[in-house]
Amino acid sequence: MLALATPPAAMAPSASSGPDTAPSSPPGTPFVQLDGVGLSYGGPQGLKALNNTNMAIEKGRFIAVVGPSGCGKSSLMKLVTGLQPPTQGSVSVNGAKVNGPLKIVGMAFQNPSLLPWRPLLSNVMLPLEIVQPHRSRLRANKAEYLAKARALLETVGLQEFETKFPWMLSGGMQQRANLCRSLIHDPDLLMLDEPFGALDAFTREELWGVLQEVWMERRFTCILVTHDLREAAYLADTIYVMSARPGTIIARHEVDLPRPRTVDTTFEPRFVDLVHTIRSEIAQVRNEAKKAAKAGATKAGTTEQKAS
């Protein structure tokens, strides 16, 4: 097991502390909860992205969300992090309703978006300049924070590259640094939106192992949005399957596979069967969406002919 740096006593309160942060949720209460959530862009009569979406995620669990393209997976992430309010229903994190951007969240996307003028170590430190209470403590505790950032870089095998600029690194190395940056402020909730989607298969599988090891060490709550069903089955405790737009949860699968998982796990019959089942569910959703779109186009054409 990889050893990660523990914040010193002077830095003990996590990024979740502060007056605008929810108190700890009571025992038995889901850490993340969506109740009848709907989201429309452009008002109630606009584009409906999500409809009657319900989720209950326990603290420390690794969740994956899969579904056809355009089903609202990324919109779901915006709701949970407080970047977008729902048009119906409610979203709660850590026992309190989400009313705005949360400090206890770390995020990583398909594009690492590292600042090209900053060396790697400085990129990893960036959230500490923004997120309270770390922002207020950074100057006085810089040595401790630097040690913490270097420990994270060592965890993902980048300890020799802290002075390099992003353009000097491969895509896989940049994504490792992106993961470090998302964890530097000790988030209670990590949101991952297709973080490995642009990488080659071998690098992607290698980073699955890195992420799994970091998660097993820290046990933060994690929500992964992905199109890669093998990735979902490899990393997650629970997989939610979404319908076509407007998205809603149509299936939930518990991943009954021991950890740590390896690439060999992906060839086990239970793993293969799970991936096949989810693939079939998404294929059915896609086919139904195509039929509905075709029927709608036919109806519209008939209406136009009658009108003319």
C-alpha atoms as a PDB file:
ATOM      1  CA  MET A   1       0.000   0.000   0.000  1.00  0.00           C
ATOM      2  CA  LEU A   2       1.312   3.439  -0.847  1.00  0.00           C
ATOM      3  CA  ALA A   3       1.877   5.767   2.090  1.00  0.00           C
ATOM      4  CA  LEU A   4       0.491   9.272   1.661  1.00  0.00           C
ATOM      5  CA  ALA A   5       1.430  12.318   3.665  1.00  0.00           C
ATOM      6  CA  THR A   6      -0.868  13.196   6.564  1.00  0.00           C
ATOM      7  CA  PRO A   7      -1.621  16.899   7.062  1.00  0.00           C
ATOM      8  CA  PRO A   8       0.249  18.289  10.092  1.00  0.00           C
ATOM      9  CA  ALA A   9      -1.599  19.423  13.190  1.00  0.00           C
ATOM     10  CA  ALA A  10      -1.424  23.051  12.114  1.00  0.00           C
ATOM     11  CA  MET A  11      -3.411  22.134   9.030  1.00  0.00           C
ATOM     12  CA  ALA A  12      -5.790  19.702  10.697  1.00  0.00           C
ATOM     13  CA  PRO A  13      -9.144  21.166   9.559  1.00  0.00           C
ATOM     14  CA  SER A  14      -9.933  19.876   6.100  1.00  0.00           C
ATOM     15  CA  ALA A  15     -11.204  21.783   3.090  1.00  0.00           C
ATOM     16  CA  SER A  16     -14.693  21.034   4.328  1.00  0.00           C
ATOM     17  CA  SER A  17     -14.339  23.276   7.362  1.00  0.00           C
ATOM     18  CA  GLY A  18     -15.731  26.793   7.459  1.00  0.00           C
ATOM     19  CA  PRO A  19     -19.043  28.568   7.969  1.00  0.00           C
ATOM     20  CA  ASP A  20     -20.349  27.835   4.489  1.00  0.00           C
ATOM     21  CA  THR A  21     -19.827  24.098   4.708  1.00  0.00           C
ATOM     22  CA  ALA A  22     -22.387  21.497   5.722  1.00  0.00           C
ATOM     23  CA  PRO A  23     -21.953  19.766   9.092  1.00  0.00           C
ATOM     24  CA  SER A  24     -21.222  16.057   9.121  1.00  0.00           C
ATOM     25  CA  SER A  25     -24.228  14.019   8.107  1.00  0.00           C
ATOM     26  CA  PRO A  26     -25.921  11.886  10.795  1.00  0.00           C
ATOM     27  CA  PRO A  27     -25.059   8.158  10.865  1.00  0.00           C
ATOM     28  CA  GLY A  28     -27.003   6.250   8.220  1.00  0.00           C
ATOM     29  CA  THR A  29     -27.598   9.355   6.104  1.00  0.00           C
ATOM     30  CA  PRO A  30     -26.277   9.144   2.520  1.00  0.00           C
ATOM     31  CA  PHE A  31     -23.264  11.373   1.946  1.00  0.00           C
ATOM     32  CA  VAL A  32     -24.601  12.324  -1.498  1.00  0.00           C
ATOM     33  CA  GLN A  33     -28.348  12.218  -2.146  1.00  0.00           C
ATOM     34  CA  LEU A  34     -30.444  13.206  -5.156  1.00  0.00           C
ATOM     35  CA  ASP A  35     -34.223  13.196  -4.659  1.00  0.00           C
ATOM     36  CA  GLY A  36     -36.418  13.488  -7.749  1.00  0.00           C
ATOM     37  CA  VAL A  37     -33.887  15.734  -9.447  1.00  0.00           C
ATOM     38  CA  GLY A  38     -34.638  17.308 -12.807  1.00  0.00           C
ATOM     39  CA  LEU A  39     -32.626  19.810 -14.817  1.00  0.00           C
ATOM     40  CA  SER A  40     -33.678  21.881 -17.815  1.00  0.00           C
ATOM     41  CA  TYR A  41     -31.440  24.316 -19.645  1.00  0.00           C
ATOM     42  CA  GLY A  42     -33.196  27.487 -20.736  1.00  0.00           C
ATOM     43  CA  GLY A  43     -36.019  27.306 -18.204  1.00  0.00           C
ATOM     44  CA  PRO A  44     -38.768  24.732 -17.585  1.00  0.00           C
ATOM     45  CA  GLN A  45     -39.672  24.658 -21.287  1.00  0.00           C
ATOM     46  CA  GLY A  46     -36.043  24.413 -22.423  1.00  0.00           C
ATOM     47  CA  LEU A  47     -33.811  21.412 -23.109  1.00  0.00           C
ATOM     48  CA  LYS A  48     -34.492  18.792 -20.445  1.00  0.00           C
ATOM     49  CA  ALA A  49     -31.238  17.113 -19.417  1.00  0.00           C
ATOM     50  CA  LEU A  50     -32.349  15.139 -16.342  1.00  0.00           C
ATOM     51  CA  ASN A  51     -35.699  13.867 -15.116  1.00  0.00           C
ATOM     52  CA  ASN A  52     -36.672  12.373 -11.738  1.00  0.00           C
ATOM     53  CA  THR A  53     -33.137  11.247 -10.936  1.00  0.00           C
ATOM     54  CA  ASN A  54     -32.585   9.544  -7.576  1.00  0.00           C
ATOM     55  CA  MET A  55     -29.296   8.458  -6.015  1.00  0.00           C
ATOM     56  CA  ALA A  56     -28.099   7.687  -2.485  1.00  0.00           C
ATOM     57  CA  ILE A  57     -24.342   7.311  -2.033  1.00  0.00           C
ATOM     58  CA  GLU A  58     -22.704   6.318   1.238  1.00  0.00           C
ATOM     59  CA  LYS A  59     -19.571   8.078   2.441  1.00  0.00           C
ATOM     60  CA  GLY A  60     -16.345   6.499   1.200  1.00  0.00           C
ATOM     61  CA  ARG A  61     -17.930   4.628  -1.714  1.00  0.00           C
ATOM     62  CA  PHE A  62     -16.661   4.611  -5.295  1.00  0.00           C
ATOM     63  CA  ILE A  63     -19.536   5.162  -7.726  1.00  0.00           C
ATOM     64  CA  ALA A  64     -19.534   5.047 -11.529  1.00  0.00           C
ATOM     65  CA  VAL A  65     -22.211   6.571 -13.765  1.00  0.00           C
ATOM     66  CA  VAL A  66     -22.576   5.264 -17.323  1.00  0.00           C
ATOM     67  CA  GLY A  67     -25.050   5.754 -20.137  1.00  0.00           C
ATOM     68  CA  PRO A  68     -25.413   6.802 -23.775  1.00  0.00           C
ATOM     69  CA  SER A  69     -23.876  10.041 -25.010  1.00  0.00           C
ATOM     70  CA  GLY A  70     -25.909  13.111 -24.105  1.00  0.00           C
ATOM     71  CA  CYS A  71     -27.824  11.392 -21.293  1.00  0.00           C
ATOM     72  CA  GLY A  72     -26.931  14.025 -18.688  1.00  0.00           C
ATOM     73  CA  LYS A  73     -23.961  12.450 -16.908  1.00  0.00           C
ATOM     74  CA  SER A  74     -21.942  15.671 -16.886  1.00  0.00           C
ATOM     75  CA  SER A  75     -25.045  17.643 -15.881  1.00  0.00           C
ATOM     76  CA  LEU A  76     -25.344  15.315 -12.905  1.00  0.00           C
ATOM     77  CA  MET A  77     -21.824  16.279 -11.845  1.00  0.00           C
ATOM     78  CA  LYS A  78     -22.675  19.984 -12.033  1.00  0.00           C
ATOM     79  CA  LEU A  79     -25.639  19.436  -9.726  1.00  0.00           C
ATOM     80  CA  VAL A  80     -23.690  17.475  -7.114  1.00  0.00           C
ATOM     81  CA  THR A  81     -20.844  20.008  -7.004  1.00  0.00           C
ATOM     82  CA  GLY A  82     -23.226  22.959  -6.783  1.00  0.00           C
ATOM     83  CA  LEU A  83     -22.178  24.472 -10.098  1.00  0.00           C
ATOM     84  CA  GLN A  84     -25.754  24.208 -11.398  1.00  0.00           C
ATOM     85  CA  PRO A  85     -29.000  24.284  -9.377  1.00  0.00           C
ATOM     86  CA  PRO A  86     -31.693  21.711 -10.219  1.00  0.00           C
ATOM     87  CA  THR A  87     -34.976  22.840 -11.738  1.00  0.00           C
ATOM     88  CA  GLN A  88     -36.807  20.262  -9.650  1.00  0.00           C
ATOM     89  CA  GLY A  89     -36.012  18.045  -6.691  1.00  0.00           C
ATOM     90  CA  SER A  90     -33.107  18.481  -4.288  1.00  0.00           C
ATOM     91  CA  VAL A  91     -29.415  17.618  -4.002  1.00  0.00           C
ATOM     92  CA  SER A  92     -27.780  17.080  -0.605  1.00  0.00           C
ATOM     93  CA  VAL A  93     -24.119  16.522   0.245  1.00  0.00           C
ATOM     94  CA  ASN A  94     -22.819  15.761   3.723  1.00  0.00           C
ATOM     95  CA  GLY A  95     -26.251  16.214   5.257  1.00  0.00           C
ATOM     96  CA  ALA A  96     -27.063  19.655   3.846  1.00  0.00           C
ATOM     97  CA  LYS A  97     -28.843  20.896   0.747  1.00  0.00           C
ATOM     98  CA  VAL A  98     -26.477  22.061  -1.982  1.00  0.00           C
ATOM     99  CA  ASN A  99     -27.052  25.759  -2.682  1.00  0.00           C
ATOM    100  CA  GLY A 100     -23.770  26.703  -4.358  1.00  0.00           C
ATOM    101  CA  PRO A 101     -20.240  25.504  -5.177  1.00  0.00           C
ATOM    102  CA  LEU A 102     -18.808  23.175  -2.528  1.00  0.00           C
ATOM    103  CA  LYS A 103     -15.348  23.475  -0.999  1.00  0.00           C
ATOM    104  CA  ILE A 104     -15.167  19.784  -0.100  1.00  0.00           C
ATOM    105  CA  VAL A 105     -15.033  18.689  -3.749  1.00  0.00           C
ATOM    106  CA  GLY A 106     -12.057  17.849  -5.959  1.00  0.00           C
ATOM    107  CA  MET A 107     -12.585  17.561  -9.720  1.00  0.00           C
ATOM    108  CA  ALA A 108     -10.664  16.080 -12.648  1.00  0.00           C
ATOM    109  CA  PHE A 109     -11.703  16.128 -16.299  1.00  0.00           C
ATOM    110  CA  GLN A 110     -10.674  14.514 -19.585  1.00  0.00           C
ATOM    111  CA  ASN A 111      -8.565  17.594 -20.383  1.00  0.00           C
ATOM    112  CA  PRO A 112      -6.049  18.050 -17.538  1.00  0.00           C
ATOM    113  CA  SER A 113      -6.033  21.855 -18.121  1.00  0.00           C
ATOM    114  CA  LEU A 114      -2.681  22.295 -16.407  1.00  0.00           C
ATOM    115  CA  LEU A 115      -1.391  25.870 -16.561  1.00  0.00           C
ATOM    116  CA  PRO A 116       1.388  25.806 -19.194  1.00  0.00           C
ATOM    117  CA  TRP A 117       3.489  28.513 -17.499  1.00  0.00           C
ATOM    118  CA  ARG A 118       3.607  26.674 -14.167  1.00  0.00           C
ATOM    119  CA  PRO A 119       5.930  23.769 -13.329  1.00  0.00           C
ATOM    120  CA  LEU A 120       4.255  20.540 -12.283  1.00  0.00           C
ATOM    121  CA  LEU A 121       4.625  21.071  -8.530  1.00  0.00           C
ATOM    122  CA  SER A 122       3.141  24.559  -8.797  1.00  0.00           C
ATOM    123  CA  ASN A 123       0.193  23.202 -10.804  1.00  0.00           C
ATOM    124  CA  VAL A 124      -0.531  20.628  -8.116  1.00  0.00           C
ATOM    125  CA  MET A 125      -0.461  23.368  -5.457  1.00  0.00           C
ATOM    126  CA  LEU A 126      -2.948  25.597  -7.312  1.00  0.00           C
ATOM    127  CA  PRO A 127      -6.126  24.637  -5.348  1.00  0.00           C
ATOM    128  CA  LEU A 128      -4.379  25.628  -2.120  1.00  0.00           C
ATOM    129  CA  GLU A 129      -4.265  29.204  -3.416  1.00  0.00           C
ATOM    130  CA  ILE A 130      -8.040  29.169  -3.906  1.00  0.00           C
ATOM    131  CA  VAL A 131      -9.755  26.853  -1.416  1.00  0.00           C
ATOM    132  CA  GLN A 132     -10.210  27.890   2.210  1.00  0.00           C
ATOM    133  CA  PRO A 133      -8.948  27.278   4.821  1.00  0.00           C
ATOM    134  CA  HIS A 134      -5.783  26.320   2.931  1.00  0.00           C
ATOM    135  CA  ARG A 135      -5.568  29.668   1.172  1.00  0.00           C
ATOM    136  CA  SER A 136      -5.213  31.487   4.495  1.00  0.00           C
ATOM    137  CA  ARG A 137      -2.624  28.999   5.768  1.00  0.00           C
ATOM    138  CA  LEU A 138      -0.527  28.552   2.650  1.00  0.00           C
ATOM    139  CA  ARG A 139       2.108  31.184   3.389  1.00  0.00           C
ATOM    140  CA  ALA A 140       2.683  30.128   7.001  1.00  0.00           C
ATOM    141  CA  ASN A 141       2.600  26.397   6.249  1.00  0.00           C
ATOM    142  CA  LYS A 142       4.143  26.336   2.782  1.00  0.00           C
ATOM    143  CA  ALA A 143       6.836  23.782   3.696  1.00  0.00           C
ATOM    144  CA  GLU A 144       4.219  21.323   4.924  1.00  0.00           C
ATOM    145  CA  TYR A 145       2.055  21.846   1.857  1.00  0.00           C
ATOM    146  CA  LEU A 146       5.045  21.368  -0.452  1.00  0.00           C
ATOM    147  CA  ALA A 147       5.859  18.109   1.308  1.00  0.00           C
ATOM    148  CA  LYS A 148       2.277  16.994   0.850  1.00  0.00           C
ATOM    149  CA  ALA A 149       2.305  17.852  -2.874  1.00  0.00           C
ATOM    150  CA  ARG A 150       5.592  16.008  -3.349  1.00  0.00           C
ATOM    151  CA  ALA A 151       4.165  12.970  -1.553  1.00  0.00           C
ATOM    152  CA  LEU A 152       1.232  12.947  -3.976  1.00  0.00           C
ATOM    153  CA  LEU A 153       3.565  13.220  -6.972  1.00  0.00           C
ATOM    154  CA  GLU A 154       5.571  10.306  -5.601  1.00  0.00           C
ATOM    155  CA  THR A 155       2.372   8.301  -5.209  1.00  0.00           C
ATOM    156  CA  VAL A 156       1.697   8.560  -8.949  1.00  0.00           C
ATOM    157  CA  GLY A 157       5.342   8.187 -10.002  1.00  0.00           C
ATOM    158  CA  LEU A 158       6.034  11.828 -10.912  1.00  0.00           C
ATOM    159  CA  GLN A 159       8.489  12.741  -8.157  1.00  0.00           C
ATOM    160  CA  GLU A 160      11.285  13.352 -10.687  1.00  0.00           C
ATOM    161  CA  PHE A 161       9.198  15.744 -12.798  1.00  0.00           C
ATOM    162  CA  GLU A 162       8.130  18.425 -10.309  1.00  0.00           C
ATOM    163  CA  THR A 163      10.145  21.141 -12.100  1.00  0.00           C
ATOM    164  CA  LYS A 164       8.949  20.191 -15.599  1.00  0.00           C
ATOM    165  CA  PHE A 165       6.303  22.152 -17.465  1.00  0.00           C
ATOM    166  CA  PRO A 166       3.103  20.439 -18.706  1.00  0.00           C
ATOM    167  CA  TRP A 167       4.133  20.627 -22.357  1.00  0.00           C
ATOM    168  CA  MET A 168       7.177  18.494 -21.516  1.00  0.00           C
ATOM    169  CA  LEU A 169       5.001  15.617 -20.279  1.00  0.00           C
ATOM    170  CA  SER A 170       2.969  12.893 -21.961  1.00  0.00           C
ATOM    171  CA  GLY A 171      -0.820  12.842 -21.766  1.00  0.00           C
ATOM    172  CA  GLY A 172      -0.714  10.116 -19.141  1.00  0.00           C
ATOM    173  CA  MET A 173       1.733  12.052 -16.992  1.00  0.00           C
ATOM    174  CA  GLN A 174      -0.400  15.184 -17.242  1.00  0.00           C
ATOM    175  CA  GLN A 175      -3.445  13.218 -16.129  1.00  0.00           C
ATOM    176  CA  ARG A 176      -1.518  11.844 -13.138  1.00  0.00           C
ATOM    177  CA  ALA A 177      -0.676  15.416 -12.177  1.00  0.00           C
ATOM    178  CA  ASN A 178      -4.329  16.359 -12.681  1.00  0.00           C
ATOM    179  CA  LEU A 179      -5.309  13.661 -10.186  1.00  0.00           C
ATOM    180  CA  CYS A 180      -2.770  14.997  -7.668  1.00  0.00           C
ATOM    181  CA  ARG A 181      -4.126  18.525  -8.087  1.00  0.00           C
ATOM    182  CA  SER A 182      -7.682  17.326  -7.444  1.00  0.00           C
ATOM    183  CA  LEU A 183      -6.585  15.667  -4.172  1.00  0.00           C
ATOM    184  CA  ILE A 184      -4.148  18.239  -2.745  1.00  0.00           C
ATOM    185  CA  HIS A 185      -6.798  19.951  -0.576  1.00  0.00           C
ATOM    186  CA  ASP A 186      -8.057  16.661   0.932  1.00  0.00           C
ATOM    187  CA  PRO A 187     -11.534  16.700  -0.630  1.00  0.00           C
ATOM    188  CA  ASP A 188     -14.232  14.551   0.924  1.00  0.00           C
ATOM    189  CA  LEU A 189     -15.771  14.087  -2.523  1.00  0.00           C
ATOM    190  CA  LEU A 190     -13.863  13.505  -5.776  1.00  0.00           C
ATOM    191  CA  MET A 191     -15.712  14.022  -9.067  1.00  0.00           C
ATOM    192  CA  LEU A 192     -14.141  12.520 -12.197  1.00  0.00           C
ATOM    193  CA  ASP A 193     -15.530  13.303 -15.660  1.00  0.00           C
ATOM    194  CA  GLU A 194     -13.959  10.964 -18.255  1.00  0.00           C
ATOM    195  CA  PRO A 195     -10.472  11.572 -16.789  1.00  0.00           C
ATOM    196  CA  PHE A 196      -8.791   8.838 -18.833  1.00  0.00           C
ATOM    197  CA  GLY A 197     -10.891   9.024 -22.001  1.00  0.00           C
ATOM    198  CA  ALA A 198      -8.181  10.575 -24.196  1.00  0.00           C
ATOM    199  CA  LEU A 199      -5.440   8.111 -23.212  1.00  0.00           C
ATOM    200  CA  ASP A 200      -4.281   4.937 -24.943  1.00  0.00           C
ATOM    201  CA  ALA A 201      -5.502   1.612 -23.560  1.00  0.00           C
ATOM    202  CA  PHE A 202      -2.292   0.677 -21.729  1.00  0.00           C
ATOM    203  CA  THR A 203      -1.898   4.080 -20.048  1.00  0.00           C
ATOM    204  CA  ARG A 204      -5.582   4.106 -19.159  1.00  0.00           C
ATOM    205  CA  GLU A 205      -5.384   0.703 -17.450  1.00  0.00           C
ATOM    206  CA  GLU A 206      -2.238   1.755 -15.605  1.00  0.00           C
ATOM    207  CA  LEU A 207      -4.017   4.825 -14.237  1.00  0.00           C
ATOM    208  CA  TRP A 208      -6.970   2.705 -13.140  1.00  0.00           C
ATOM    209  CA  GLY A 209      -4.537   0.982 -10.796  1.00  0.00           C
ATOM    210  CA  VAL A 210      -3.094   4.286  -9.583  1.00  0.00           C
ATOM    211  CA  LEU A 211      -6.532   5.741  -8.842  1.00  0.00           C
ATOM    212  CA  GLN A 212      -7.702   2.563  -7.116  1.00  0.00           C
ATOM    213  CA  GLU A 213      -4.644   2.540  -4.858  1.00  0.00           C
ATOM    214  CA  VAL A 214      -5.035   6.205  -3.895  1.00  0.00           C
ATOM    215  CA  TRP A 215      -8.745   5.684  -3.190  1.00  0.00           C
ATOM    216  CA  MET A 216      -8.108   2.578  -1.071  1.00  0.00           C
ATOM    217  CA  GLU A 217      -5.571   4.557   0.952  1.00  0.00           C
ATOM    218  CA  ARG A 218      -7.739   7.655   1.496  1.00  0.00           C
ATOM    219  CA  ARG A 219     -11.325   6.372   1.166  1.00  0.00           C
ATOM    220  CA  PHE A 220     -12.861   9.617  -0.087  1.00  0.00           C
ATOM    221  CA  THR A 221     -16.254   9.397  -1.773  1.00  0.00           C
ATOM    222  CA  CYS A 222     -15.787   9.242  -5.540  1.00  0.00           C
ATOM    223  CA  ILE A 223     -18.197   9.672  -8.461  1.00  0.00           C
ATOM    224  CA  LEU A 224     -16.790   8.683 -11.852  1.00  0.00           C
ATOM    225  CA  VAL A 225     -18.546   9.542 -15.112  1.00  0.00           C
ATOM    226  CA  THR A 226     -17.309   7.356 -17.956  1.00  0.00           C
ATOM    227  CA  HIS A 227     -18.231   5.771 -21.282  1.00  0.00           C
ATOM    228  CA  ASP A 228     -15.774   2.923 -20.649  1.00  0.00           C
ATOM    229  CA  LEU A 229     -17.745   0.069 -19.092  1.00  0.00           C
ATOM    230  CA  ARG A 230     -14.584  -1.880 -18.225  1.00  0.00           C
ATOM    231  CA  GLU A 231     -13.276   1.184 -16.409  1.00  0.00           C
ATOM    232  CA  ALA A 232     -16.516   1.450 -14.437  1.00  0.00           C
ATOM    233  CA  ALA A 233     -16.458  -2.222 -13.443  1.00  0.00           C
ATOM    234  CA  TYR A 234     -12.758  -2.101 -12.536  1.00  0.00           C
ATOM    235  CA  LEU A 235     -12.986   0.951 -10.276  1.00  0.00           C
ATOM    236  CA  ALA A 236     -16.483   1.152  -8.823  1.00  0.00           C
ATOM    237  CA  ASP A 237     -18.335  -0.378  -5.888  1.00  0.00           C
ATOM    238  CA  THR A 238     -21.644   0.542  -7.531  1.00  0.00           C
ATOM    239  CA  ILE A 239     -22.514   1.374 -11.143  1.00  0.00           C
ATOM    240  CA  TYR A 240     -25.546   3.497 -12.051  1.00  0.00           C
ATOM    241  CA  VAL A 241     -26.894   3.214 -15.611  1.00  0.00           C
ATOM    242  CA  MET A 242     -28.709   6.203 -17.105  1.00  0.00           C
ATOM    243  CA  SER A 243     -31.354   6.396 -19.807  1.00  0.00           C
ATOM    244  CA  ALA A 244     -31.190   8.557 -22.918  1.00  0.00           C
ATOM    245  CA  ARG A 245     -32.019  12.261 -22.469  1.00  0.00           C
ATOM    246  CA  PRO A 246     -33.732  13.340 -20.350  1.00  0.00           C
ATOM    247  CA  GLY A 247     -31.552  11.160 -18.184  1.00  0.00           C
ATOM    248  CA  THR A 248     -32.793   9.132 -15.262  1.00  0.00           C
ATOM    249  CA  ILE A 249     -31.401   6.099 -13.427  1.00  0.00           C
ATOM    250  CA  ILE A 250     -32.647   2.872 -15.017  1.00  0.00           C
ATOM    251  CA  ALA A 251     -30.372   0.310 -13.337  1.00  0.00           C
ATOM    252  CA  ARG A 252     -27.965  -0.083 -10.446  1.00  0.00           C
ATOM    253  CA  HIS A 253     -25.295  -2.782 -10.209  1.00  0.00           C
ATOM    254  CA  GLU A 254     -23.190  -3.715  -7.187  1.00  0.00           C
ATOM    255  CA  VAL A 255     -19.687  -4.788  -8.245  1.00  0.00           C
ATOM    256  CA  ASP A 256     -19.014  -7.935  -6.228  1.00  0.00           C
ATOM    257  CA  LEU A 257     -15.301  -8.218  -6.994  1.00  0.00           C
ATOM    258  CA  PRO A 258     -12.519  -8.218  -4.370  1.00  0.00           C
ATOM    259  CA  ARG A 259      -9.948  -5.434  -4.161  1.00  0.00           C
ATOM    260  CA  PRO A 260      -7.335  -4.626  -5.150  1.00  0.00           C
ATOM    261  CA  ARG A 261      -8.395  -5.388  -8.709  1.00  0.00           C
ATOM    262  CA  THR A 262      -5.876  -5.914 -11.491  1.00  0.00           C
ATOM    263  CA  VAL A 263      -6.011  -6.093 -15.272  1.00  0.00           C
ATOM    264  CA  ASP A 264      -6.377  -9.873 -14.850  1.00  0.00           C
ATOM    265  CA  THR A 265      -9.661  -9.165 -13.039  1.00  0.00           C
ATOM    266  CA  THR A 266     -11.093  -7.846 -16.310  1.00  0.00           C
ATOM    267  CA  PHE A 267     -10.911 -11.365 -17.777  1.00  0.00           C
ATOM    268  CA  GLU A 268     -12.783 -13.069 -14.940  1.00  0.00           C
ATOM    269  CA  PRO A 269     -16.257 -14.402 -15.879  1.00  0.00           C
ATOM    270  CA  ARG A 270     -18.053 -12.236 -13.274  1.00  0.00           C
ATOM    271  CA  PHE A 271     -16.383  -9.111 -14.643  1.00  0.00           C
ATOM    272  CA  VAL A 272     -17.120 -10.004 -18.266  1.00  0.00           C
ATOM    273  CA  ASP A 273     -20.748 -10.854 -17.463  1.00  0.00           C
ATOM    274  CA  LEU A 274     -21.265  -7.549 -15.645  1.00  0.00           C
ATOM    275  CA  VAL A 275     -19.839  -5.516 -18.524  1.00  0.00           C
ATOM    276  CA  HIS A 276     -21.969  -7.468 -21.006  1.00  0.00           C
ATOM    277  CA  THR A 277     -25.135  -6.875 -18.948  1.00  0.00           C
ATOM    278  CA  ILE A 278     -24.538  -3.126 -18.743  1.00  0.00           C
ATOM    279  CA  ARG A 279     -23.656  -2.946 -22.429  1.00  0.00           C
ATOM    280  CA  SER A 280     -26.962  -4.643 -23.260  1.00  0.00           C
ATOM    281  CA  GLU A 281     -28.882  -2.175 -21.073  1.00  0.00           C
ATOM    282  CA  ILE A 282     -27.290   0.816 -22.784  1.00  0.00           C
ATOM    283  CA  ALA A 283     -27.790  -0.713 -26.239  1.00  0.00           C
ATOM    284  CA  GLN A 284     -31.498  -1.131 -25.481  1.00  0.00           C
ATOM    285  CA  VAL A 285     -31.713   2.490 -24.319  1.00  0.00           C
ATOM    286  CA  ARG A 286     -29.988   3.686 -27.495  1.00  0.00           C
ATOM    287  CA  ASN A 287     -32.300   1.643 -29.719  1.00  0.00           C
ATOM    288  CA  GLU A 288     -35.403   2.946 -27.956  1.00  0.00           C
ATOM    289  CA  ALA A 289     -34.139   6.518 -28.324  1.00  0.00           C
ATOM    290  CA  LYS A 290     -33.543   5.995 -32.054  1.00  0.00           C
ATOM    291  CA  LYS A 291     -37.044   4.578 -32.520  1.00  0.00           C
ATOM    292  CA  ALA A 292     -38.570   7.494 -30.620  1.00  0.00           C
ATOM    293  CA  ALA A 293     -36.613  10.005 -32.699  1.00  0.00           C
ATOM    294  CA  LYS A 294     -37.633   8.289 -35.931  1.00  0.00           C
ATOM    295  CA  ALA A 295     -41.285   8.206 -34.875  1.00  0.00           C
ATOM    296  CA  GLY A 296     -41.119  11.882 -33.956  1.00  0.00           C
ATOM    297  CA  ALA A 297     -39.595  12.789 -37.315  1.00  0.00           C
ATOM    298  CA  THR A 298     -42.253  10.784 -39.167  1.00  0.00           C
ATOM    299  CA  LYS A 299     -45.048  12.452 -37.187  1.00  0.00           C
ATOM    300  CA  ALA A 300     -43.584  15.906 -37.855  1.00  0.00           C
ATOM    301  CA  GLY A 301     -43.347  15.153 -41.575  1.00  0.00           C
ATOM    302  CA  THR A 302     -46.956  13.981 -41.703  1.00  0.00           C
ATOM    303  CA  THR A 303     -48.109  17.135 -39.894  1.00  0.00           C
ATOM    304  CA  GLU A 304     -46.235  19.339 -42.374  1.00  0.00           C
ATOM    305  CA  GLN A 305     -47.807  17.528 -45.337  1.00  0.00           C
ATOM    306  CA  LYS A 306     -51.302  18.025 -43.903  1.00  0.00           C
ATOM    307  CA  ALA A 307     -50.604  21.695 -43.249  1.00  0.00           C
ATOM    308  CA  SER A 308     -49.496  22.255 -46.844  1.00  0.00           C
END
